[in-house]
């Protein structure tokens, strides 16, 4: 079950979800109690999902810092299927990614949001922070545009039995979507994914467009979502 209409407010919830997907350093962990209170107080999610998120917050606060941080790096920084940069799932490292980034930056700037020098616009926490500044209906519509990508990440996290899957499930539900898994293709070995391209082959990694091909900038459906369960 999920909300058929957006909750009256989800600003704080979106910000908590954004923070939960950031690197869990010491300043992050210092604010875990505040995040817990914000989720409970706003009540933008259903009770079962809230309980899952509370369990994740408790886990992040109780485990040794080194373990929490290393698990995050292993989960989100060492694999395409769980990458939190959304255009990685659509464009890879292709030239399409640059124009898509610019288009998204312009969307943010029109709303008065300017990114820091180390922020990339397609990073899911950034999208969630932006959505938190919008009225609930507009926030839901914005998040729904990327739901097909979020669902792939959610499914990959489920496959790894990661408690972070509850964060992506919450994002899907606030997008007006059901948190349902889709088939996730096996990832290539790390060495293979970092292999150098053939000289003048026209592509550096999987997803690279060849010279002369059209360069669309909109977010498109990922082929992995075709296996969605009923």
C-alpha atoms as a PDB file:
ATOM      1  CA  UNK A   1       0.000   0.000   0.000  1.00  0.00           C
ATOM      2  CA  UNK A   2       1.119   3.563  -0.674  1.00  0.00           C
ATOM      3  CA  UNK A   3      -0.383   7.024  -0.685  1.00  0.00           C
ATOM      4  CA  UNK A   4      -2.502   7.611  -3.819  1.00  0.00           C
ATOM      5  CA  UNK A   5      -2.238  11.358  -3.209  1.00  0.00           C
ATOM      6  CA  UNK A   6       0.850  13.216  -2.007  1.00  0.00           C
ATOM      7  CA  UNK A   7       0.884  13.962   1.711  1.00  0.00           C
ATOM      8  CA  UNK A   8       0.140  17.527   2.751  1.00  0.00           C
ATOM      9  CA  UNK A   9       3.800  18.004   3.538  1.00  0.00           C
ATOM     10  CA  UNK A  10       6.892  15.909   2.838  1.00  0.00           C
ATOM     11  CA  UNK A  11       9.611  18.554   2.938  1.00  0.00           C
ATOM     12  CA  UNK A  12      11.378  17.211   6.024  1.00  0.00           C
ATOM     13  CA  UNK A  13      10.985  13.593   4.942  1.00  0.00           C
ATOM     14  CA  UNK A  14      12.606  14.279   1.573  1.00  0.00           C
ATOM     15  CA  UNK A  15      15.494  16.018   3.298  1.00  0.00           C
ATOM     16  CA  UNK A  16      15.990  13.103   5.673  1.00  0.00           C
ATOM     17  CA  UNK A  17      15.976  10.661   2.754  1.00  0.00           C
ATOM     18  CA  UNK A  18      18.531  12.857   0.978  1.00  0.00           C
ATOM     19  CA  UNK A  19      20.784  12.818   4.049  1.00  0.00           C
ATOM     20  CA  UNK A  20      20.410   9.063   4.466  1.00  0.00           C
ATOM     21  CA  UNK A  21      21.897   8.589   0.994  1.00  0.00           C
ATOM     22  CA  UNK A  22      24.940  10.725   1.731  1.00  0.00           C
ATOM     23  CA  UNK A  23      28.259   9.522   3.121  1.00  0.00           C
ATOM     24  CA  UNK A  24      27.704   8.617   6.797  1.00  0.00           C
ATOM     25  CA  UNK A  25      30.529  10.598   8.372  1.00  0.00           C
ATOM     26  CA  UNK A  26      30.656  11.808  11.983  1.00  0.00           C
ATOM     27  CA  UNK A  27      28.611  15.023  11.409  1.00  0.00           C
ATOM     28  CA  UNK A  28      25.955  12.927   9.670  1.00  0.00           C
ATOM     29  CA  UNK A  29      25.739  10.471  12.569  1.00  0.00           C
ATOM     30  CA  UNK A  30      25.482  13.317  15.072  1.00  0.00           C
ATOM     31  CA  UNK A  31      22.116  14.266  13.556  1.00  0.00           C
ATOM     32  CA  UNK A  32      20.550  10.794  13.521  1.00  0.00           C
ATOM     33  CA  UNK A  33      18.156  11.554  16.424  1.00  0.00           C
ATOM     34  CA  UNK A  34      16.915  14.702  14.671  1.00  0.00           C
ATOM     35  CA  UNK A  35      16.295  12.739  11.468  1.00  0.00           C
ATOM     36  CA  UNK A  36      14.318  10.153  13.397  1.00  0.00           C
ATOM     37  CA  UNK A  37      12.165  12.838  15.016  1.00  0.00           C
ATOM     38  CA  UNK A  38      11.559  14.563  11.658  1.00  0.00           C
ATOM     39  CA  UNK A  39      10.322  11.362  10.006  1.00  0.00           C
ATOM     40  CA  UNK A  40       7.955  10.568  12.863  1.00  0.00           C
ATOM     41  CA  UNK A  41       6.739  14.131  13.219  1.00  0.00           C
ATOM     42  CA  UNK A  42       5.913  14.742   9.567  1.00  0.00           C
ATOM     43  CA  UNK A  43       4.431  11.258   9.037  1.00  0.00           C
ATOM     44  CA  UNK A  44       4.625  11.515   5.248  1.00  0.00           C
ATOM     45  CA  UNK A  45       5.261   7.765   4.965  1.00  0.00           C
ATOM     46  CA  UNK A  46       3.212   4.761   5.981  1.00  0.00           C
ATOM     47  CA  UNK A  47       4.008   3.175   9.384  1.00  0.00           C
ATOM     48  CA  UNK A  48       5.747   0.073   8.017  1.00  0.00           C
ATOM     49  CA  UNK A  49       8.116   2.175   5.913  1.00  0.00           C
ATOM     50  CA  UNK A  50       8.765   4.490   8.839  1.00  0.00           C
ATOM     51  CA  UNK A  51       9.676   1.488  10.983  1.00  0.00           C
ATOM     52  CA  UNK A  52      12.180   0.308   8.355  1.00  0.00           C
ATOM     53  CA  UNK A  53      13.806   3.729   8.201  1.00  0.00           C
ATOM     54  CA  UNK A  54      13.960   3.949  11.973  1.00  0.00           C
ATOM     55  CA  UNK A  55      15.719   0.584  12.010  1.00  0.00           C
ATOM     56  CA  UNK A  56      18.242   1.872   9.462  1.00  0.00           C
ATOM     57  CA  UNK A  57      18.872   5.008  11.526  1.00  0.00           C
ATOM     58  CA  UNK A  58      19.400   2.892  14.626  1.00  0.00           C
ATOM     59  CA  UNK A  59      21.805   0.619  12.748  1.00  0.00           C
ATOM     60  CA  UNK A  60      23.846   3.561  11.438  1.00  0.00           C
ATOM     61  CA  UNK A  61      24.109   4.922  14.955  1.00  0.00           C
ATOM     62  CA  UNK A  62      25.025   1.667  16.696  1.00  0.00           C
ATOM     63  CA  UNK A  63      27.649   0.123  14.417  1.00  0.00           C
ATOM     64  CA  UNK A  64      31.314   1.192  14.479  1.00  0.00           C
ATOM     65  CA  UNK A  65      31.932   4.262  12.322  1.00  0.00           C
ATOM     66  CA  UNK A  66      34.521   2.508  10.143  1.00  0.00           C
ATOM     67  CA  UNK A  67      32.089  -0.315   9.348  1.00  0.00           C
ATOM     68  CA  UNK A  68      29.243   2.068   8.453  1.00  0.00           C
ATOM     69  CA  UNK A  69      31.471   4.137   6.184  1.00  0.00           C
ATOM     70  CA  UNK A  70      33.109   1.167   4.447  1.00  0.00           C
ATOM     71  CA  UNK A  71      29.730  -0.475   3.820  1.00  0.00           C
ATOM     72  CA  UNK A  72      28.475   2.742   2.217  1.00  0.00           C
ATOM     73  CA  UNK A  73      31.502   2.973  -0.085  1.00  0.00           C
ATOM     74  CA  UNK A  74      31.236  -0.679  -1.080  1.00  0.00           C
ATOM     75  CA  UNK A  75      27.523  -0.330  -1.758  1.00  0.00           C
ATOM     76  CA  UNK A  76      27.243   2.958  -3.632  1.00  0.00           C
ATOM     77  CA  UNK A  77      30.711   3.680  -5.017  1.00  0.00           C
ATOM     78  CA  UNK A  78      31.723   0.297  -6.406  1.00  0.00           C
ATOM     79  CA  UNK A  79      29.017  -0.735  -8.835  1.00  0.00           C
ATOM     80  CA  UNK A  80      26.805   0.660 -11.569  1.00  0.00           C
ATOM     81  CA  UNK A  81      23.554  -0.949 -10.441  1.00  0.00           C
ATOM     82  CA  UNK A  82      23.591   0.822  -7.065  1.00  0.00           C
ATOM     83  CA  UNK A  83      25.154   4.099  -8.222  1.00  0.00           C
ATOM     84  CA  UNK A  84      23.281   7.135  -6.902  1.00  0.00           C
ATOM     85  CA  UNK A  85      24.127   9.276  -9.941  1.00  0.00           C
ATOM     86  CA  UNK A  86      20.996   8.729 -11.986  1.00  0.00           C
ATOM     87  CA  UNK A  87      22.417   9.540 -15.409  1.00  0.00           C
ATOM     88  CA  UNK A  88      24.966   6.780 -14.856  1.00  0.00           C
ATOM     89  CA  UNK A  89      22.071   4.367 -15.378  1.00  0.00           C
ATOM     90  CA  UNK A  90      20.877   6.121 -18.529  1.00  0.00           C
ATOM     91  CA  UNK A  91      23.912   7.568 -20.289  1.00  0.00           C
ATOM     92  CA  UNK A  92      26.895   5.890 -18.631  1.00  0.00           C
ATOM     93  CA  UNK A  93      29.915   8.071 -19.376  1.00  0.00           C
ATOM     94  CA  UNK A  94      28.655   9.056 -22.810  1.00  0.00           C
ATOM     95  CA  UNK A  95      28.594  12.566 -24.206  1.00  0.00           C
ATOM     96  CA  UNK A  96      24.831  12.588 -23.687  1.00  0.00           C
ATOM     97  CA  UNK A  97      25.443  12.999 -19.977  1.00  0.00           C
ATOM     98  CA  UNK A  98      26.893  16.510 -20.236  1.00  0.00           C
ATOM     99  CA  UNK A  99      23.885  18.162 -21.914  1.00  0.00           C
ATOM    100  CA  UNK A 100      21.541  16.281 -19.579  1.00  0.00           C
ATOM    101  CA  UNK A 101      23.482  17.637 -16.598  1.00  0.00           C
ATOM    102  CA  UNK A 102      23.216  21.194 -17.925  1.00  0.00           C
ATOM    103  CA  UNK A 103      19.496  20.813 -18.471  1.00  0.00           C
ATOM    104  CA  UNK A 104      19.026  19.642 -14.871  1.00  0.00           C
ATOM    105  CA  UNK A 105      21.206  22.434 -13.473  1.00  0.00           C
ATOM    106  CA  UNK A 106      19.041  24.954 -15.299  1.00  0.00           C
ATOM    107  CA  UNK A 107      15.942  23.408 -13.722  1.00  0.00           C
ATOM    108  CA  UNK A 108      17.476  23.904 -10.289  1.00  0.00           C
ATOM    109  CA  UNK A 109      18.633  27.444 -10.966  1.00  0.00           C
ATOM    110  CA  UNK A 110      15.216  28.519 -12.211  1.00  0.00           C
ATOM    111  CA  UNK A 111      13.931  27.532  -8.761  1.00  0.00           C
ATOM    112  CA  UNK A 112      16.761  29.424  -7.035  1.00  0.00           C
ATOM    113  CA  UNK A 113      18.882  26.385  -6.121  1.00  0.00           C
ATOM    114  CA  UNK A 114      22.602  26.655  -6.875  1.00  0.00           C
ATOM    115  CA  UNK A 115      24.911  23.667  -6.452  1.00  0.00           C
ATOM    116  CA  UNK A 116      28.209  23.659  -4.634  1.00  0.00           C
ATOM    117  CA  UNK A 117      31.430  23.038  -6.592  1.00  0.00           C
ATOM    118  CA  UNK A 118      31.527  19.344  -5.635  1.00  0.00           C
ATOM    119  CA  UNK A 119      27.823  18.596  -6.232  1.00  0.00           C
ATOM    120  CA  UNK A 120      26.586  16.859  -9.381  1.00  0.00           C
ATOM    121  CA  UNK A 121      22.975  17.572 -10.385  1.00  0.00           C
ATOM    122  CA  UNK A 122      22.051  13.935 -11.057  1.00  0.00           C
ATOM    123  CA  UNK A 123      23.103  12.745  -7.590  1.00  0.00           C
ATOM    124  CA  UNK A 124      19.921  11.386  -6.017  1.00  0.00           C
ATOM    125  CA  UNK A 125      20.405  13.266  -2.712  1.00  0.00           C
ATOM    126  CA  UNK A 126      20.583  16.516  -4.723  1.00  0.00           C
ATOM    127  CA  UNK A 127      17.342  15.693  -6.536  1.00  0.00           C
ATOM    128  CA  UNK A 128      15.668  14.954  -3.219  1.00  0.00           C
ATOM    129  CA  UNK A 129      16.913  18.219  -1.719  1.00  0.00           C
ATOM    130  CA  UNK A 130      15.491  20.084  -4.713  1.00  0.00           C
ATOM    131  CA  UNK A 131      12.169  18.246  -4.479  1.00  0.00           C
ATOM    132  CA  UNK A 132      11.959  19.223  -0.793  1.00  0.00           C
ATOM    133  CA  UNK A 133      11.797  22.882  -1.842  1.00  0.00           C
ATOM    134  CA  UNK A 134       8.745  22.314  -4.041  1.00  0.00           C
ATOM    135  CA  UNK A 135       5.039  22.029  -3.120  1.00  0.00           C
ATOM    136  CA  UNK A 136       4.009  18.379  -2.580  1.00  0.00           C
ATOM    137  CA  UNK A 137       2.276  17.914  -5.952  1.00  0.00           C
ATOM    138  CA  UNK A 138       5.163  19.429  -7.920  1.00  0.00           C
ATOM    139  CA  UNK A 139       7.652  17.444  -5.854  1.00  0.00           C
ATOM    140  CA  UNK A 140       5.817  14.215  -6.646  1.00  0.00           C
ATOM    141  CA  UNK A 141       5.677  15.019 -10.358  1.00  0.00           C
ATOM    142  CA  UNK A 142       9.391  15.824 -10.432  1.00  0.00           C
ATOM    143  CA  UNK A 143      10.344  12.618  -8.623  1.00  0.00           C
ATOM    144  CA  UNK A 144       8.038  10.554 -10.844  1.00  0.00           C
ATOM    145  CA  UNK A 145      10.187  11.502 -13.857  1.00  0.00           C
ATOM    146  CA  UNK A 146      13.081   9.504 -12.401  1.00  0.00           C
ATOM    147  CA  UNK A 147      11.082   6.709 -10.766  1.00  0.00           C
ATOM    148  CA  UNK A 148      12.077   4.169 -13.437  1.00  0.00           C
ATOM    149  CA  UNK A 149      15.755   4.716 -12.520  1.00  0.00           C
ATOM    150  CA  UNK A 150      15.129   4.757  -8.777  1.00  0.00           C
ATOM    151  CA  UNK A 151      13.309   1.442  -9.137  1.00  0.00           C
ATOM    152  CA  UNK A 152      16.406  -0.152 -10.687  1.00  0.00           C
ATOM    153  CA  UNK A 153      18.578   1.048  -7.785  1.00  0.00           C
ATOM    154  CA  UNK A 154      15.936  -0.133  -5.308  1.00  0.00           C
ATOM    155  CA  UNK A 155      15.910  -3.561  -6.952  1.00  0.00           C
ATOM    156  CA  UNK A 156      19.704  -3.808  -6.879  1.00  0.00           C
ATOM    157  CA  UNK A 157      19.708  -2.947  -3.166  1.00  0.00           C
ATOM    158  CA  UNK A 158      17.054  -5.571  -2.502  1.00  0.00           C
ATOM    159  CA  UNK A 159      19.174  -8.089  -4.365  1.00  0.00           C
ATOM    160  CA  UNK A 160      22.044  -7.264  -2.011  1.00  0.00           C
ATOM    161  CA  UNK A 161      19.694  -7.444   0.991  1.00  0.00           C
ATOM    162  CA  UNK A 162      20.715  -3.926   1.983  1.00  0.00           C
ATOM    163  CA  UNK A 163      18.665  -1.972   4.553  1.00  0.00           C
ATOM    164  CA  UNK A 164      19.216   1.079   2.334  1.00  0.00           C
ATOM    165  CA  UNK A 165      16.536  -0.397   0.065  1.00  0.00           C
ATOM    166  CA  UNK A 166      13.960   1.105   2.424  1.00  0.00           C
ATOM    167  CA  UNK A 167      15.206   4.602   1.532  1.00  0.00           C
ATOM    168  CA  UNK A 168      14.688   4.010  -2.179  1.00  0.00           C
ATOM    169  CA  UNK A 169      11.308   2.416  -1.465  1.00  0.00           C
ATOM    170  CA  UNK A 170      10.287   5.572   0.384  1.00  0.00           C
ATOM    171  CA  UNK A 171      11.393   7.704  -2.569  1.00  0.00           C
ATOM    172  CA  UNK A 172       9.300   5.597  -4.931  1.00  0.00           C
ATOM    173  CA  UNK A 173       6.230   5.874  -2.717  1.00  0.00           C
ATOM    174  CA  UNK A 174       6.570   9.641  -2.438  1.00  0.00           C
ATOM    175  CA  UNK A 175       6.791   9.632  -6.249  1.00  0.00           C
ATOM    176  CA  UNK A 176       3.372   7.978  -6.381  1.00  0.00           C
ATOM    177  CA  UNK A 177       4.870   4.630  -7.382  1.00  0.00           C
ATOM    178  CA  UNK A 178       4.776   1.206  -5.772  1.00  0.00           C
ATOM    179  CA  UNK A 179       8.060  -0.110  -4.436  1.00  0.00           C
ATOM    180  CA  UNK A 180       8.201  -3.157  -6.706  1.00  0.00           C
ATOM    181  CA  UNK A 181      11.372  -4.881  -7.825  1.00  0.00           C
ATOM    182  CA  UNK A 182      12.450  -5.288 -11.439  1.00  0.00           C
ATOM    183  CA  UNK A 183      15.025  -7.593 -12.976  1.00  0.00           C
ATOM    184  CA  UNK A 184      18.555  -6.259 -12.573  1.00  0.00           C
ATOM    185  CA  UNK A 185      21.171  -7.382 -15.090  1.00  0.00           C
ATOM    186  CA  UNK A 186      24.382  -8.873 -13.676  1.00  0.00           C
ATOM    187  CA  UNK A 187      27.160  -6.333 -13.295  1.00  0.00           C
ATOM    188  CA  UNK A 188      30.456  -6.750 -15.173  1.00  0.00           C
ATOM    189  CA  UNK A 189      33.559  -7.428 -13.145  1.00  0.00           C
ATOM    190  CA  UNK A 190      35.172  -4.254 -11.818  1.00  0.00           C
ATOM    191  CA  UNK A 191      38.245  -4.684 -14.027  1.00  0.00           C
ATOM    192  CA  UNK A 192      36.026  -5.137 -17.070  1.00  0.00           C
ATOM    193  CA  UNK A 193      33.957  -2.007 -16.365  1.00  0.00           C
ATOM    194  CA  UNK A 194      37.156   0.062 -16.133  1.00  0.00           C
ATOM    195  CA  UNK A 195      38.720  -1.391 -19.280  1.00  0.00           C
ATOM    196  CA  UNK A 196      40.169   1.062 -21.784  1.00  0.00           C
ATOM    197  CA  UNK A 197      38.221   1.471 -25.070  1.00  0.00           C
ATOM    198  CA  UNK A 198      39.468   0.579 -28.509  1.00  0.00           C
ATOM    199  CA  UNK A 199      41.288   3.454 -30.165  1.00  0.00           C
ATOM    200  CA  UNK A 200      38.816   5.587 -32.154  1.00  0.00           C
ATOM    201  CA  UNK A 201      36.076   3.134 -31.280  1.00  0.00           C
ATOM    202  CA  UNK A 202      33.730   6.022 -30.507  1.00  0.00           C
ATOM    203  CA  UNK A 203      32.963   4.954 -26.953  1.00  0.00           C
ATOM    204  CA  UNK A 204      34.885   4.859 -23.689  1.00  0.00           C
ATOM    205  CA  UNK A 205      32.492   2.781 -21.581  1.00  0.00           C
ATOM    206  CA  UNK A 206      29.179   1.025 -21.866  1.00  0.00           C
ATOM    207  CA  UNK A 207      26.525   3.495 -22.965  1.00  0.00           C
ATOM    208  CA  UNK A 208      28.874   5.745 -24.995  1.00  0.00           C
ATOM    209  CA  UNK A 209      27.359   7.148 -28.187  1.00  0.00           C
ATOM    210  CA  UNK A 210      29.349   6.954 -31.427  1.00  0.00           C
ATOM    211  CA  UNK A 211      30.189  10.107 -33.395  1.00  0.00           C
ATOM    212  CA  UNK A 212      27.328  11.347 -35.540  1.00  0.00           C
ATOM    213  CA  UNK A 213      24.575   9.825 -33.436  1.00  0.00           C
ATOM    214  CA  UNK A 214      21.788  12.050 -32.041  1.00  0.00           C
ATOM    215  CA  UNK A 215      22.430  13.374 -28.549  1.00  0.00           C
ATOM    216  CA  UNK A 216      19.092  13.447 -26.622  1.00  0.00           C
ATOM    217  CA  UNK A 217      19.180  15.144 -23.222  1.00  0.00           C
ATOM    218  CA  UNK A 218      15.958  13.957 -21.617  1.00  0.00           C
ATOM    219  CA  UNK A 219      15.815  11.134 -19.070  1.00  0.00           C
ATOM    220  CA  UNK A 220      14.760   7.933 -20.832  1.00  0.00           C
ATOM    221  CA  UNK A 221      13.502   4.563 -19.640  1.00  0.00           C
ATOM    222  CA  UNK A 222      16.186   2.063 -18.688  1.00  0.00           C
ATOM    223  CA  UNK A 223      15.860  -1.313 -20.397  1.00  0.00           C
ATOM    224  CA  UNK A 224      16.083  -3.106 -17.059  1.00  0.00           C
ATOM    225  CA  UNK A 225      12.643  -1.823 -16.112  1.00  0.00           C
ATOM    226  CA  UNK A 226      10.987  -3.937 -18.766  1.00  0.00           C
ATOM    227  CA  UNK A 227      10.965  -6.852 -16.333  1.00  0.00           C
ATOM    228  CA  UNK A 228       8.719  -5.164 -13.785  1.00  0.00           C
ATOM    229  CA  UNK A 229       6.633  -7.506 -11.748  1.00  0.00           C
ATOM    230  CA  UNK A 230       2.867  -7.228 -11.825  1.00  0.00           C
END
